[in-house]
Amino acid sequence: MKSISNLRFFDDVKNVEEYIAMYKGMDGGALIEILKKYLEPGSSVLELGMGPGTDLDILSKTFKTTGSDSSQVFLDIYQKQNPESDLRKLDAASPYTDEKFDCIFSNKVLHHIERNQLALSFEKQLNLLNDNGILFHTFWIGDDENEFEDLKFIKYQLFELENLTKPFYDLIESGTYAEMNQNDSIYLVLRKK
C-alpha cells in the first residue's frame, strides 16, 4: 500500500521543476476566498501538500501559515525562496505533528491517497485541529482512478466524501468548480465535531 510519503515522483528535482512550470499562473485564490468566510484573519492554517507554495503564498496574506509536503524537493525550493517560512515534511495520508491548527487546507492533494487510506487521513487530521477547527479540501469529481508513474489520481463523488467525513466532521459547505472543465472539481468545508 503506497502512502504519499512513498511516492518518488516528486522526489526527483526534474519532475518538480516540470510540475512548477506546468502549473505556473494557476492557484486556488478563488477557493481561499470561500475559506475566508469561515476563518478569521490571523487564524492558523496548515497546508497539506503545498507543492510549489502558490496557495501558501495567498493563504499567508491573511492567515498564520505552516506549509507541508511529503517531497523534500518542494520544501527545499520554497524554503530557499522564502527563508522565513514555517514548513514541515508531512505525509497527507497520515499527517502528524504536535501542533494544532484552526484550519487544514489542501488543493488537489488527497486524491493521491489510496481510497482505503482516505478515511484514516481525515481521522488523523482531526487530531491536528483546534476545537471547532475547519478542513478545506478539493477533489476531482468522478468515479475512476488513473495512475501516472507512481502517482494515483482518484476521483470522488460528494456522497462518498460525506460518508468518509461524517464520523468526525460536520459539512458546512460544498460546491463544484472548474479546474480544467466545467464542474470537474469539488470543494468541501468541514468543521470538527
Foldseek 3Di string as FASTA:
>chain_A
DDFQLNDCQLQDLVSLVVVCVVCPPDDDLVLVVVVCVPDAFAFEEEEEACRQVPHVVVNVVGYNYEYEYSHVSSVVVNCVVPVVHHYDHATLLAGDDPAAGLEYEYEQDLQQGDPVSSLVSLVNNLVRYDAFHKYKYKAFADQDWDDDRSGIHGHYDPVSVCVSCVVFWDWPDKDAQDDPDGRGMMMTITTGD
